[in-house]
Amino acid sequence: EDERLGGTPVIFLTAKGMTSDRIAGFRAGVDDYIPKPFDPDE
């Protein structure tokens, strides 16, 4: 909603693996979604 930050890419880190949670994130405008635990190189 911020005019200066609206285009900033956002990546969610989450312990949740449910497909519904991932869909909710993408619908909210998140750019990528990485479940924990994650590989640091990835």
Full PDB file with SEQRES, HELIX, SHEET, SSBOND, CRYST1, ORIGX, SCALE, CONECT and MASTER records, all heavy atoms in Angstrom:
SEQRES   1 A   42  GLU ASP GLU ARG LEU GLY GLY THR PRO VAL ILE PHE LEU          
SEQRES   2 A   42  THR ALA LYS GLY MET THR SER ASP ARG ILE ALA GLY PHE          
SEQRES   3 A   42  ARG ALA GLY VAL ASP ASP TYR ILE PRO LYS PRO PHE ASP          
SEQRES   4 A   42  PRO ASP GLU                                                  
HELIX    1 AA1 THR A   19  ARG A   27  1                                   9    
SHEET    1 AA1 2 ILE A  11  THR A  14  0                                        
SHEET    2 AA1 2 ASP A  32  PRO A  35  1                                        
CRYST1    1.000    1.000    1.000  90.00  90.00  90.00 P 1           1          
ORIGX1      1.000000  0.000000  0.000000        0.00000                         
ORIGX2      0.000000  1.000000  0.000000        0.00000                         
ORIGX3      0.000000  0.000000  1.000000        0.00000                         
SCALE1      1.000000  0.000000  0.000000        0.00000                         
SCALE2      0.000000  1.000000  0.000000        0.00000                         
SCALE3      0.000000  0.000000  1.000000        0.00000                         
ATOM      1  N   GLU A   1       0.813  -1.218   0.000  1.00  0.00           N  
ATOM      2  CA  GLU A   1       0.000   0.000   0.000  1.00  0.00           C  
ATOM      3  C   GLU A   1       0.848   1.272   0.000  1.00  0.00           C  
ATOM      4  O   GLU A   1       0.318   2.360  -0.209  1.00  0.00           O  
ATOM      5  CB  GLU A   1      -0.922   0.014   1.227  1.00  0.00           C  
ATOM      6  CG  GLU A   1      -2.026  -1.041   1.165  1.00  0.00           C  
ATOM      7  CD  GLU A   1      -2.854  -1.081   2.433  1.00  0.00           C  
ATOM      8  OE1 GLU A   1      -2.430  -0.470   3.450  1.00  0.00           O  
ATOM      9  OE2 GLU A   1      -3.917  -1.740   2.428  1.00  0.00           O  
ATOM     10  N   ASP A   2       2.156   1.133   0.229  1.00  0.00           N  
ATOM     11  CA  ASP A   2       3.032   2.299   0.296  1.00  0.00           C  
ATOM     12  C   ASP A   2       3.536   2.656  -1.100  1.00  0.00           C  
ATOM     13  O   ASP A   2       4.012   1.787  -1.838  1.00  0.00           O  
ATOM     14  CB  ASP A   2       4.223   2.007   1.217  1.00  0.00           C  
ATOM     15  CG  ASP A   2       5.088   3.235   1.441  1.00  0.00           C  
ATOM     16  OD1 ASP A   2       4.782   4.016   2.340  1.00  0.00           O  
ATOM     17  OD2 ASP A   2       6.069   3.412   0.691  1.00  0.00           O  
ATOM     18  N   GLU A   3       3.456   3.934  -1.474  1.00  0.00           N  
ATOM     19  CA  GLU A   3       3.818   4.324  -2.834  1.00  0.00           C  
ATOM     20  C   GLU A   3       5.306   4.163  -3.116  1.00  0.00           C  
ATOM     21  O   GLU A   3       5.698   3.955  -4.256  1.00  0.00           O  
ATOM     22  CB  GLU A   3       3.378   5.759  -3.122  1.00  0.00           C  
ATOM     23  CG  GLU A   3       4.122   6.830  -2.356  1.00  0.00           C  
ATOM     24  CD  GLU A   3       3.720   8.231  -2.798  1.00  0.00           C  
ATOM     25  OE1 GLU A   3       2.616   8.399  -3.340  1.00  0.00           O  
ATOM     26  OE2 GLU A   3       4.525   9.151  -2.588  1.00  0.00           O  
ATOM     27  N   ARG A   4       6.159   4.250  -2.098  1.00  0.00           N  
ATOM     28  CA  ARG A   4       7.601   4.090  -2.329  1.00  0.00           C  
ATOM     29  C   ARG A   4       8.017   2.626  -2.301  1.00  0.00           C  
ATOM     30  O   ARG A   4       8.968   2.238  -2.977  1.00  0.00           O  
ATOM     31  CB  ARG A   4       8.399   4.852  -1.272  1.00  0.00           C  
ATOM     32  CG  ARG A   4       8.209   6.359  -1.301  1.00  0.00           C  
ATOM     33  CD  ARG A   4       9.208   7.029  -0.388  1.00  0.00           C  
ATOM     34  NE  ARG A   4       9.173   6.454   0.947  1.00  0.00           N  
ATOM     35  CZ  ARG A   4      10.198   6.430   1.793  1.00  0.00           C  
ATOM     36  NH1 ARG A   4      11.355   6.925   1.446  1.00  0.00           N  
ATOM     37  NH2 ARG A   4      10.067   5.900   2.999  1.00  0.00           N  
ATOM     38  N   LEU A   5       7.331   1.805  -1.515  1.00  0.00           N  
ATOM     39  CA  LEU A   5       7.752   0.424  -1.289  1.00  0.00           C  
ATOM     40  C   LEU A   5       6.858  -0.601  -1.972  1.00  0.00           C  
ATOM     41  O   LEU A   5       7.103  -1.799  -1.874  1.00  0.00           O  
ATOM     42  CB  LEU A   5       7.782   0.136   0.220  1.00  0.00           C  
ATOM     43  CG  LEU A   5       8.816   0.930   1.014  1.00  0.00           C  
ATOM     44  CD1 LEU A   5       8.460   0.933   2.497  1.00  0.00           C  
ATOM     45  CD2 LEU A   5      10.201   0.360   0.805  1.00  0.00           C  
ATOM     46  N   GLY A   6       5.825  -0.139  -2.661  1.00  0.00           N  
ATOM     47  CA  GLY A   6       4.841  -1.056  -3.228  1.00  0.00           C  
ATOM     48  C   GLY A   6       5.405  -2.087  -4.182  1.00  0.00           C  
ATOM     49  O   GLY A   6       4.883  -3.193  -4.289  1.00  0.00           O  
ATOM     50  N   GLY A   7       6.485  -1.751  -4.890  1.00  0.00           N  
ATOM     51  CA  GLY A   7       7.060  -2.682  -5.849  1.00  0.00           C  
ATOM     52  C   GLY A   7       8.193  -3.519  -5.304  1.00  0.00           C  
ATOM     53  O   GLY A   7       8.815  -4.286  -6.049  1.00  0.00           O  
ATOM     54  N   THR A   8       8.489  -3.409  -4.002  1.00  0.00           N  
ATOM     55  CA  THR A   8       9.600  -4.163  -3.404  1.00  0.00           C  
ATOM     56  C   THR A   8       9.298  -5.656  -3.386  1.00  0.00           C  
ATOM     57  O   THR A   8       8.258  -6.069  -2.860  1.00  0.00           O  
ATOM     58  CB  THR A   8       9.861  -3.685  -1.966  1.00  0.00           C  
ATOM     59  OG1 THR A   8      10.082  -2.280  -1.964  1.00  0.00           O  
ATOM     60  CG2 THR A   8      11.078  -4.401  -1.377  1.00  0.00           C  
ATOM     61  N   PRO A   9      10.177  -6.490  -3.936  1.00  0.00           N  
ATOM     62  CA  PRO A   9       9.941  -7.936  -3.885  1.00  0.00           C  
ATOM     63  C   PRO A   9       9.933  -8.442  -2.439  1.00  0.00           C  
ATOM     64  O   PRO A   9      10.766  -8.034  -1.626  1.00  0.00           O  
ATOM     65  CB  PRO A   9      11.138  -8.516  -4.658  1.00  0.00           C  
ATOM     66  CG  PRO A   9      11.619  -7.405  -5.516  1.00  0.00           C  
ATOM     67  CD  PRO A   9      11.375  -6.152  -4.722  1.00  0.00           C  
ATOM     68  N   VAL A  10       9.000  -9.328  -2.131  1.00  0.00           N  
ATOM     69  CA  VAL A  10       8.872  -9.903  -0.792  1.00  0.00           C  
ATOM     70  C   VAL A  10       8.869 -11.420  -0.904  1.00  0.00           C  
ATOM     71  O   VAL A  10       8.129 -11.990  -1.716  1.00  0.00           O  
ATOM     72  CB  VAL A  10       7.578  -9.429  -0.097  1.00  0.00           C  
ATOM     73  CG1 VAL A  10       7.440 -10.083   1.277  1.00  0.00           C  
ATOM     74  CG2 VAL A  10       7.563  -7.907   0.036  1.00  0.00           C  
ATOM     75  N   ILE A  11       9.704 -12.065  -0.105  1.00  0.00           N  
ATOM     76  CA  ILE A  11       9.763 -13.528  -0.048  1.00  0.00           C  
ATOM     77  C   ILE A  11       9.372 -13.959   1.360  1.00  0.00           C  
ATOM     78  O   ILE A  11       9.953 -13.487   2.340  1.00  0.00           O  
ATOM     79  CB  ILE A  11      11.170 -14.059  -0.391  1.00  0.00           C  
ATOM     80  CG1 ILE A  11      11.553 -13.657  -1.826  1.00  0.00           C  
ATOM     81  CG2 ILE A  11      11.237 -15.572  -0.225  1.00  0.00           C  
ATOM     82  CD1 ILE A  11      12.973 -14.050  -2.206  1.00  0.00           C  
ATOM     83  N   PHE A  12       8.392 -14.843   1.472  1.00  0.00           N  
ATOM     84  CA  PHE A  12       7.967 -15.350   2.775  1.00  0.00           C  
ATOM     85  C   PHE A  12       8.799 -16.570   3.171  1.00  0.00           C  
ATOM     86  O   PHE A  12       9.031 -17.467   2.358  1.00  0.00           O  
ATOM     87  CB  PHE A  12       6.495 -15.757   2.727  1.00  0.00           C  
ATOM     88  CG  PHE A  12       5.527 -14.646   3.041  1.00  0.00           C  
ATOM     89  CD1 PHE A  12       4.165 -14.835   2.819  1.00  0.00           C  
ATOM     90  CD2 PHE A  12       5.953 -13.431   3.557  1.00  0.00           C  
ATOM     91  CE1 PHE A  12       3.253 -13.828   3.105  1.00  0.00           C  
ATOM     92  CE2 PHE A  12       5.055 -12.420   3.845  1.00  0.00           C  
ATOM     93  CZ  PHE A  12       3.694 -12.620   3.620  1.00  0.00           C  
ATOM     94  N   LEU A  13       9.227 -16.588   4.425  1.00  0.00           N  
ATOM     95  CA  LEU A  13       9.842 -17.754   5.035  1.00  0.00           C  
ATOM     96  C   LEU A  13       8.837 -18.296   6.051  1.00  0.00           C  
ATOM     97  O   LEU A  13       8.387 -17.551   6.922  1.00  0.00           O  
ATOM     98  CB  LEU A  13      11.131 -17.376   5.762  1.00  0.00           C  
ATOM     99  CG  LEU A  13      12.171 -16.572   4.975  1.00  0.00           C  
ATOM    100  CD1 LEU A  13      13.321 -16.168   5.883  1.00  0.00           C  
ATOM    101  CD2 LEU A  13      12.682 -17.392   3.800  1.00  0.00           C  
ATOM    102  N   THR A  14       8.482 -19.562   5.932  1.00  0.00           N  
ATOM    103  CA  THR A  14       7.450 -20.062   6.834  1.00  0.00           C  
ATOM    104  C   THR A  14       7.621 -21.540   7.117  1.00  0.00           C  
ATOM    105  O   THR A  14       8.130 -22.299   6.288  1.00  0.00           O  
ATOM    106  CB  THR A  14       6.053 -19.831   6.246  1.00  0.00           C  
ATOM    107  OG1 THR A  14       5.081 -20.348   7.144  1.00  0.00           O  
ATOM    108  CG2 THR A  14       5.895 -20.501   4.893  1.00  0.00           C  
ATOM    109  N   ALA A  15       7.199 -21.933   8.305  1.00  0.00           N  
ATOM    110  CA  ALA A  15       7.222 -23.339   8.681  1.00  0.00           C  
ATOM    111  C   ALA A  15       6.006 -24.068   8.139  1.00  0.00           C  
ATOM    112  O   ALA A  15       5.947 -25.291   8.135  1.00  0.00           O  
ATOM    113  CB  ALA A  15       7.274 -23.474  10.197  1.00  0.00           C  
ATOM    114  N   LYS A  16       5.040 -23.311   7.671  1.00  0.00           N  
ATOM    115  CA  LYS A  16       3.819 -23.942   7.177  1.00  0.00           C  
ATOM    116  C   LYS A  16       4.039 -24.505   5.775  1.00  0.00           C  
ATOM    117  O   LYS A  16       4.634 -23.862   4.934  1.00  0.00           O  
ATOM    118  CB  LYS A  16       2.678 -22.931   7.146  1.00  0.00           C  
ATOM    119  CG  LYS A  16       2.217 -22.495   8.530  1.00  0.00           C  
ATOM    120  CD  LYS A  16       0.996 -21.584   8.414  1.00  0.00           C  
ATOM    121  CE  LYS A  16       0.476 -21.220   9.791  1.00  0.00           C  
ATOM    122  NZ  LYS A  16      -0.726 -20.367   9.717  1.00  0.00           N  
ATOM    123  N   GLY A  17       3.497 -25.703   5.538  1.00  0.00           N  
ATOM    124  CA  GLY A  17       3.644 -26.308   4.226  1.00  0.00           C  
ATOM    125  C   GLY A  17       2.330 -26.496   3.506  1.00  0.00           C  
ATOM    126  O   GLY A  17       2.276 -27.105   2.444  1.00  0.00           O  
ATOM    127  N   MET A  18       1.247 -25.997   4.102  1.00  0.00           N  
ATOM    128  CA  MET A  18      -0.067 -26.182   3.511  1.00  0.00           C  
ATOM    129  C   MET A  18      -0.204 -25.407   2.206  1.00  0.00           C  
ATOM    130  O   MET A  18       0.200 -24.250   2.104  1.00  0.00           O  
ATOM    131  CB  MET A  18      -1.145 -25.701   4.488  1.00  0.00           C  
ATOM    132  CG  MET A  18      -1.191 -26.478   5.789  1.00  0.00           C  
ATOM    133  SD  MET A  18      -1.844 -28.142   5.587  1.00  0.00           S  
ATOM    134  CE  MET A  18      -3.549 -27.752   5.220  1.00  0.00           C  
ATOM    135  N   THR A  19      -0.770 -26.058   1.200  1.00  0.00           N  
ATOM    136  CA  THR A  19      -0.984 -25.402  -0.089  1.00  0.00           C  
ATOM    137  C   THR A  19      -1.848 -24.165   0.068  1.00  0.00           C  
ATOM    138  O   THR A  19      -1.612 -23.136  -0.579  1.00  0.00           O  
ATOM    139  CB  THR A  19      -1.638 -26.378  -1.075  1.00  0.00           C  
ATOM    140  OG1 THR A  19      -0.788 -27.515  -1.253  1.00  0.00           O  
ATOM    141  CG2 THR A  19      -1.867 -25.708  -2.421  1.00  0.00           C  
ATOM    142  N   SER A  20      -2.861 -24.231   0.957  1.00  0.00           N  
ATOM    143  CA  SER A  20      -3.753 -23.090   1.148  1.00  0.00           C  
ATOM    144  C   SER A  20      -2.998 -21.874   1.656  1.00  0.00           C  
ATOM    145  O   SER A  20      -3.310 -20.736   1.292  1.00  0.00           O  
ATOM    146  CB  SER A  20      -4.877 -23.449   2.122  1.00  0.00           C  
ATOM    147  OG  SER A  20      -4.344 -23.841   3.384  1.00  0.00           O  
ATOM    148  N   ASP A  21      -1.984 -22.096   2.509  1.00  0.00           N  
ATOM    149  CA  ASP A  21      -1.195 -20.982   3.030  1.00  0.00           C  
ATOM    150  C   ASP A  21      -0.343 -20.361   1.929  1.00  0.00           C  
ATOM    151  O   ASP A  21      -0.181 -19.138   1.868  1.00  0.00           O  
ATOM    152  CB  ASP A  21      -0.291 -21.457   4.173  1.00  0.00           C  
ATOM    153  CG  ASP A  21      -1.102 -21.910   5.380  1.00  0.00           C  
ATOM    154  OD1 ASP A  21      -2.058 -21.198   5.743  1.00  0.00           O  
ATOM    155  OD2 ASP A  21      -0.787 -22.962   5.938  1.00  0.00           O  
ATOM    156  N   ARG A  22       0.197 -21.200   1.079  1.00  0.00           N  
ATOM    157  CA  ARG A  22       1.003 -20.688  -0.025  1.00  0.00           C  
ATOM    158  C   ARG A  22       0.128 -19.872  -0.981  1.00  0.00           C  
ATOM    159  O   ARG A  22       0.524 -18.802  -1.446  1.00  0.00           O  
ATOM    160  CB  ARG A  22       1.669 -21.854  -0.767  1.00  0.00           C  
ATOM    161  CG  ARG A  22       2.679 -22.616   0.067  1.00  0.00           C  
ATOM    162  CD  ARG A  22       3.121 -23.903  -0.636  1.00  0.00           C  
ATOM    163  NE  ARG A  22       3.850 -23.614  -1.857  1.00  0.00           N  
ATOM    164  CZ  ARG A  22       5.171 -23.414  -1.903  1.00  0.00           C  
ATOM    165  NH1 ARG A  22       5.889 -23.448  -0.798  1.00  0.00           N  
ATOM    166  NH2 ARG A  22       5.775 -23.185  -3.044  1.00  0.00           N  
ATOM    167  N   ILE A  23      -1.061 -20.382  -1.270  1.00  0.00           N  
ATOM    168  CA  ILE A  23      -1.981 -19.661  -2.157  1.00  0.00           C  
ATOM    169  C   ILE A  23      -2.357 -18.320  -1.545  1.00  0.00           C  
ATOM    170  O   ILE A  23      -2.394 -17.292  -2.235  1.00  0.00           O  
ATOM    171  CB  ILE A  23      -3.238 -20.506  -2.432  1.00  0.00           C  
ATOM    172  CG1 ILE A  23      -2.870 -21.733  -3.272  1.00  0.00           C  
ATOM    173  CG2 ILE A  23      -4.306 -19.674  -3.146  1.00  0.00           C  
ATOM    174  CD1 ILE A  23      -4.007 -22.717  -3.458  1.00  0.00           C  
ATOM    175  N   ALA A  24      -2.619 -18.309  -0.233  1.00  0.00           N  
ATOM    176  CA  ALA A  24      -2.961 -17.048   0.440  1.00  0.00           C  
ATOM    177  C   ALA A  24      -1.821 -16.043   0.309  1.00  0.00           C  
ATOM    178  O   ALA A  24      -2.053 -14.851   0.101  1.00  0.00           O  
ATOM    179  CB  ALA A  24      -3.271 -17.310   1.914  1.00  0.00           C  
ATOM    180  N   GLY A  25      -0.576 -16.526   0.417  1.00  0.00           N  
ATOM    181  CA  GLY A  25       0.577 -15.643   0.273  1.00  0.00           C  
ATOM    182  C   GLY A  25       0.669 -15.040  -1.115  1.00  0.00           C  
ATOM    183  O   GLY A  25       0.869 -13.831  -1.268  1.00  0.00           O  
ATOM    184  N   PHE A  26       0.505 -15.867  -2.120  1.00  0.00           N  
ATOM    185  CA  PHE A  26       0.582 -15.358  -3.494  1.00  0.00           C  
ATOM    186  C   PHE A  26      -0.572 -14.402  -3.797  1.00  0.00           C  
ATOM    187  O   PHE A  26      -0.385 -13.395  -4.488  1.00  0.00           O  
ATOM    188  CB  PHE A  26       0.597 -16.512  -4.494  1.00  0.00           C  
ATOM    189  CG  PHE A  26       1.899 -17.264  -4.512  1.00  0.00           C  
ATOM    190  CD1 PHE A  26       1.945 -18.635  -4.289  1.00  0.00           C  
ATOM    191  CD2 PHE A  26       3.099 -16.607  -4.760  1.00  0.00           C  
ATOM    192  CE1 PHE A  26       3.149 -19.329  -4.307  1.00  0.00           C  
ATOM    193  CE2 PHE A  26       4.306 -17.291  -4.779  1.00  0.00           C  
ATOM    194  CZ  PHE A  26       4.328 -18.648  -4.548  1.00  0.00           C  
ATOM    195  N   ARG A  27      -1.748 -14.706  -3.285  1.00  0.00           N  
ATOM    196  CA  ARG A  27      -2.881 -13.812  -3.512  1.00  0.00           C  
ATOM    197  C   ARG A  27      -2.663 -12.459  -2.841  1.00  0.00           C  
ATOM    198  O   ARG A  27      -3.165 -11.435  -3.299  1.00  0.00           O  
ATOM    199  CB  ARG A  27      -4.176 -14.454  -2.990  1.00  0.00           C  
ATOM    200  CG  ARG A  27      -4.723 -15.534  -3.907  1.00  0.00           C  
ATOM    201  CD  ARG A  27      -5.980 -16.171  -3.334  1.00  0.00           C  
ATOM    202  NE  ARG A  27      -6.583 -17.109  -4.276  1.00  0.00           N  
ATOM    203  CZ  ARG A  27      -7.582 -17.923  -3.981  1.00  0.00           C  
ATOM    204  NH1 ARG A  27      -8.091 -17.921  -2.748  1.00  0.00           N  
ATOM    205  NH2 ARG A  27      -8.079 -18.743  -4.888  1.00  0.00           N  
ATOM    206  N   ALA A  28      -1.920 -12.464  -1.742  1.00  0.00           N  
ATOM    207  CA  ALA A  28      -1.647 -11.217  -1.029  1.00  0.00           C  
ATOM    208  C   ALA A  28      -0.548 -10.399  -1.698  1.00  0.00           C  
ATOM    209  O   ALA A  28      -0.332  -9.255  -1.317  1.00  0.00           O  
ATOM    210  CB  ALA A  28      -1.273 -11.513   0.421  1.00  0.00           C  
ATOM    211  N   GLY A  29       0.129 -11.002  -2.684  1.00  0.00           N  
ATOM    212  CA  GLY A  29       1.133 -10.247  -3.426  1.00  0.00           C  
ATOM    213  C   GLY A  29       2.564 -10.610  -3.124  1.00  0.00           C  
ATOM    214  O   GLY A  29       3.483  -9.878  -3.504  1.00  0.00           O  
ATOM    215  N   VAL A  30       2.796 -11.745  -2.451  1.00  0.00           N  
ATOM    216  CA  VAL A  30       4.168 -12.162  -2.180  1.00  0.00           C  
ATOM    217  C   VAL A  30       4.816 -12.652  -3.471  1.00  0.00           C  
ATOM    218  O   VAL A  30       4.143 -13.186  -4.354  1.00  0.00           O  
ATOM    219  CB  VAL A  30       4.197 -13.248  -1.080  1.00  0.00           C  
ATOM    220  CG1 VAL A  30       3.764 -14.599  -1.630  1.00  0.00           C  
ATOM    221  CG2 VAL A  30       5.574 -13.347  -0.438  1.00  0.00           C  
ATOM    222  N   ASP A  31       6.125 -12.454  -3.607  1.00  0.00           N  
ATOM    223  CA  ASP A  31       6.823 -12.828  -4.839  1.00  0.00           C  
ATOM    224  C   ASP A  31       7.325 -14.259  -4.831  1.00  0.00           C  
ATOM    225  O   ASP A  31       7.449 -14.885  -5.880  1.00  0.00           O  
ATOM    226  CB  ASP A  31       8.004 -11.874  -5.077  1.00  0.00           C  
ATOM    227  CG  ASP A  31       7.535 -10.468  -5.371  1.00  0.00           C  
ATOM    228  OD1 ASP A  31       7.346  -9.688  -4.425  1.00  0.00           O  
ATOM    229  OD2 ASP A  31       7.338 -10.151  -6.554  1.00  0.00           O  
ATOM    230  N   ASP A  32       7.654 -14.774  -3.662  1.00  0.00           N  
ATOM    231  CA  ASP A  32       8.131 -16.152  -3.562  1.00  0.00           C  
ATOM    232  C   ASP A  32       7.840 -16.635  -2.153  1.00  0.00           C  
ATOM    233  O   ASP A  32       7.532 -15.846  -1.255  1.00  0.00           O  
ATOM    234  CB  ASP A  32       9.640 -16.226  -3.870  1.00  0.00           C  
ATOM    235  CG  ASP A  32      10.052 -17.597  -4.392  1.00  0.00           C  
ATOM    236  OD1 ASP A  32       9.241 -18.550  -4.303  1.00  0.00           O  
ATOM    237  OD2 ASP A  32      11.188 -17.722  -4.887  1.00  0.00           O  
ATOM    238  N   TYR A  33       7.972 -17.951  -1.968  1.00  0.00           N  
ATOM    239  CA  TYR A  33       7.515 -18.577  -0.737  1.00  0.00           C  
ATOM    240  C   TYR A  33       8.465 -19.733  -0.454  1.00  0.00           C  
ATOM    241  O   TYR A  33       8.533 -20.676  -1.231  1.00  0.00           O  
ATOM    242  CB  TYR A  33       6.093 -19.094  -0.979  1.00  0.00           C  
ATOM    243  CG  TYR A  33       5.181 -19.159   0.207  1.00  0.00           C  
ATOM    244  CD1 TYR A  33       4.078 -18.324   0.295  1.00  0.00           C  
ATOM    245  CD2 TYR A  33       5.384 -20.089   1.217  1.00  0.00           C  
ATOM    246  CE1 TYR A  33       3.196 -18.394   1.350  1.00  0.00           C  
ATOM    247  CE2 TYR A  33       4.516 -20.168   2.292  1.00  0.00           C  
ATOM    248  CZ  TYR A  33       3.420 -19.320   2.361  1.00  0.00           C  
ATOM    249  OH  TYR A  33       2.554 -19.393   3.406  1.00  0.00           O  
ATOM    250  N   ILE A  34       9.220 -19.693   0.649  1.00  0.00           N  
ATOM    251  CA  ILE A  34      10.201 -20.739   0.948  1.00  0.00           C  
ATOM    252  C   ILE A  34       9.896 -21.334   2.320  1.00  0.00           C  
ATOM    253  O   ILE A  34       9.911 -20.625   3.324  1.00  0.00           O  
ATOM    254  CB  ILE A  34      11.635 -20.186   0.922  1.00  0.00           C  
ATOM    255  CG1 ILE A  34      11.929 -19.570  -0.445  1.00  0.00           C  
ATOM    256  CG2 ILE A  34      12.646 -21.274   1.252  1.00  0.00           C  
ATOM    257  CD1 ILE A  34      13.314 -18.951  -0.546  1.00  0.00           C  
ATOM    258  N   PRO A  35       9.592 -22.658   2.378  1.00  0.00           N  
ATOM    259  CA  PRO A  35       9.284 -23.283   3.670  1.00  0.00           C  
ATOM    260  C   PRO A  35      10.552 -23.559   4.483  1.00  0.00           C  
ATOM    261  O   PRO A  35      11.622 -23.832   3.938  1.00  0.00           O  
ATOM    262  CB  PRO A  35       8.590 -24.593   3.266  1.00  0.00           C  
ATOM    263  CG  PRO A  35       9.163 -24.912   1.922  1.00  0.00           C  
ATOM    264  CD  PRO A  35       9.419 -23.591   1.249  1.00  0.00           C  
ATOM    265  N   LYS A  36      10.428 -23.431   5.801  1.00  0.00           N  
ATOM    266  CA  LYS A  36      11.507 -23.798   6.716  1.00  0.00           C  
ATOM    267  C   LYS A  36      11.389 -25.291   7.027  1.00  0.00           C  
ATOM    268  O   LYS A  36      10.272 -25.816   7.107  1.00  0.00           O  
ATOM    269  CB  LYS A  36      11.411 -23.012   8.017  1.00  0.00           C  
ATOM    270  CG  LYS A  36      11.530 -21.507   7.886  1.00  0.00           C  
ATOM    271  CD  LYS A  36      11.310 -20.863   9.249  1.00  0.00           C  
ATOM    272  CE  LYS A  36      11.348 -19.354   9.191  1.00  0.00           C  
ATOM    273  NZ  LYS A  36      11.075 -18.738  10.504  1.00  0.00           N  
ATOM    274  N   PRO A  37      12.506 -25.969   7.257  1.00  0.00           N  
ATOM    275  CA  PRO A  37      13.886 -25.477   7.131  1.00  0.00           C  
ATOM    276  C   PRO A  37      14.273 -25.359   5.665  1.00  0.00           C  
ATOM    277  O   PRO A  37      13.823 -26.153   4.836  1.00  0.00           O  
ATOM    278  CB  PRO A  37      14.706 -26.542   7.853  1.00  0.00           C  
ATOM    279  CG  PRO A  37      13.910 -27.801   7.685  1.00  0.00           C  
ATOM    280  CD  PRO A  37      12.471 -27.376   7.697  1.00  0.00           C  
ATOM    281  N   PHE A  38      15.094 -24.381   5.343  1.00  0.00           N  
ATOM    282  CA  PHE A  38      15.471 -24.159   3.956  1.00  0.00           C  
ATOM    283  C   PHE A  38      16.972 -24.330   3.792  1.00  0.00           C  
ATOM    284  O   PHE A  38      17.755 -24.204   4.740  1.00  0.00           O  
ATOM    285  CB  PHE A  38      15.059 -22.758   3.491  1.00  0.00           C  
ATOM    286  CG  PHE A  38      15.450 -21.670   4.460  1.00  0.00           C  
ATOM    287  CD1 PHE A  38      16.747 -21.197   4.523  1.00  0.00           C  
ATOM    288  CD2 PHE A  38      14.495 -21.136   5.306  1.00  0.00           C  
ATOM    289  CE1 PHE A  38      17.095 -20.207   5.421  1.00  0.00           C  
ATOM    290  CE2 PHE A  38      14.842 -20.144   6.208  1.00  0.00           C  
ATOM    291  CZ  PHE A  38      16.142 -19.675   6.269  1.00  0.00           C  
ATOM    292  N   ASP A  39      17.367 -24.642   2.572  1.00  0.00           N  
ATOM    293  CA  ASP A  39      18.786 -24.738   2.253  1.00  0.00           C  
ATOM    294  C   ASP A  39      19.308 -23.320   1.998  1.00  0.00           C  
ATOM    295  O   ASP A  39      18.730 -22.592   1.182  1.00  0.00           O  
ATOM    296  CB  ASP A  39      18.978 -25.602   0.998  1.00  0.00           C  
ATOM    297  CG  ASP A  39      20.439 -25.725   0.618  1.00  0.00           C  
ATOM    298  OD1 ASP A  39      20.937 -24.830  -0.101  1.00  0.00           O  
ATOM    299  OD2 ASP A  39      21.086 -26.691   1.044  1.00  0.00           O  
ATOM    300  N   PRO A  40      20.379 -22.901   2.671  1.00  0.00           N  
ATOM    301  CA  PRO A  40      20.845 -21.514   2.514  1.00  0.00           C  
ATOM    302  C   PRO A  40      21.255 -21.177   1.083  1.00  0.00           C  
ATOM    303  O   PRO A  40      21.061 -20.055   0.628  1.00  0.00           O  
ATOM    304  CB  PRO A  40      22.032 -21.421   3.479  1.00  0.00           C  
ATOM    305  CG  PRO A  40      22.436 -22.833   3.742  1.00  0.00           C  
ATOM    306  CD  PRO A  40      21.191 -23.644   3.651  1.00  0.00           C  
ATOM    307  N   ASP A  41      21.827 -22.151   0.376  1.00  0.00           N  
ATOM    308  CA  ASP A  41      22.208 -21.896  -1.015  1.00  0.00           C  
ATOM    309  C   ASP A  41      20.975 -21.634  -1.882  1.00  0.00           C  
ATOM    310  O   ASP A  41      20.990 -20.769  -2.766  1.00  0.00           O  
ATOM    311  CB  ASP A  41      23.001 -23.069  -1.585  1.00  0.00           C  
ATOM    312  CG  ASP A  41      24.396 -23.163  -1.007  1.00  0.00           C  
ATOM    313  OD1 ASP A  41      24.959 -22.104  -0.657  1.00  0.00           O  
ATOM    314  OD2 ASP A  41      24.924 -24.279  -0.902  1.00  0.00           O  
ATOM    315  N   GLU A  42      19.903 -22.393  -1.613  1.00  0.00           N  
ATOM    316  CA  GLU A  42      18.676 -22.172  -2.375  1.00  0.00           C  
ATOM    317  C   GLU A  42      18.085 -20.807  -2.049  1.00  0.00           C  
ATOM    318  O   GLU A  42      17.613 -20.093  -2.942  1.00  0.00           O  
ATOM    319  CB  GLU A  42      17.637 -23.251  -2.067  1.00  0.00           C  
ATOM    320  CG  GLU A  42      16.327 -23.039  -2.839  1.00  0.00           C  
ATOM    321  CD  GLU A  42      15.252 -24.050  -2.485  1.00  0.00           C  
ATOM    322  OE1 GLU A  42      15.495 -24.909  -1.617  1.00  0.00           O  
ATOM    323  OE2 GLU A  42      14.161 -23.971  -3.084  1.00  0.00           O  
TER     324      GLU A  42                                                      
MASTER        0    0    0    1    2    0    0    6  323    1    0    4          
END                                                                             
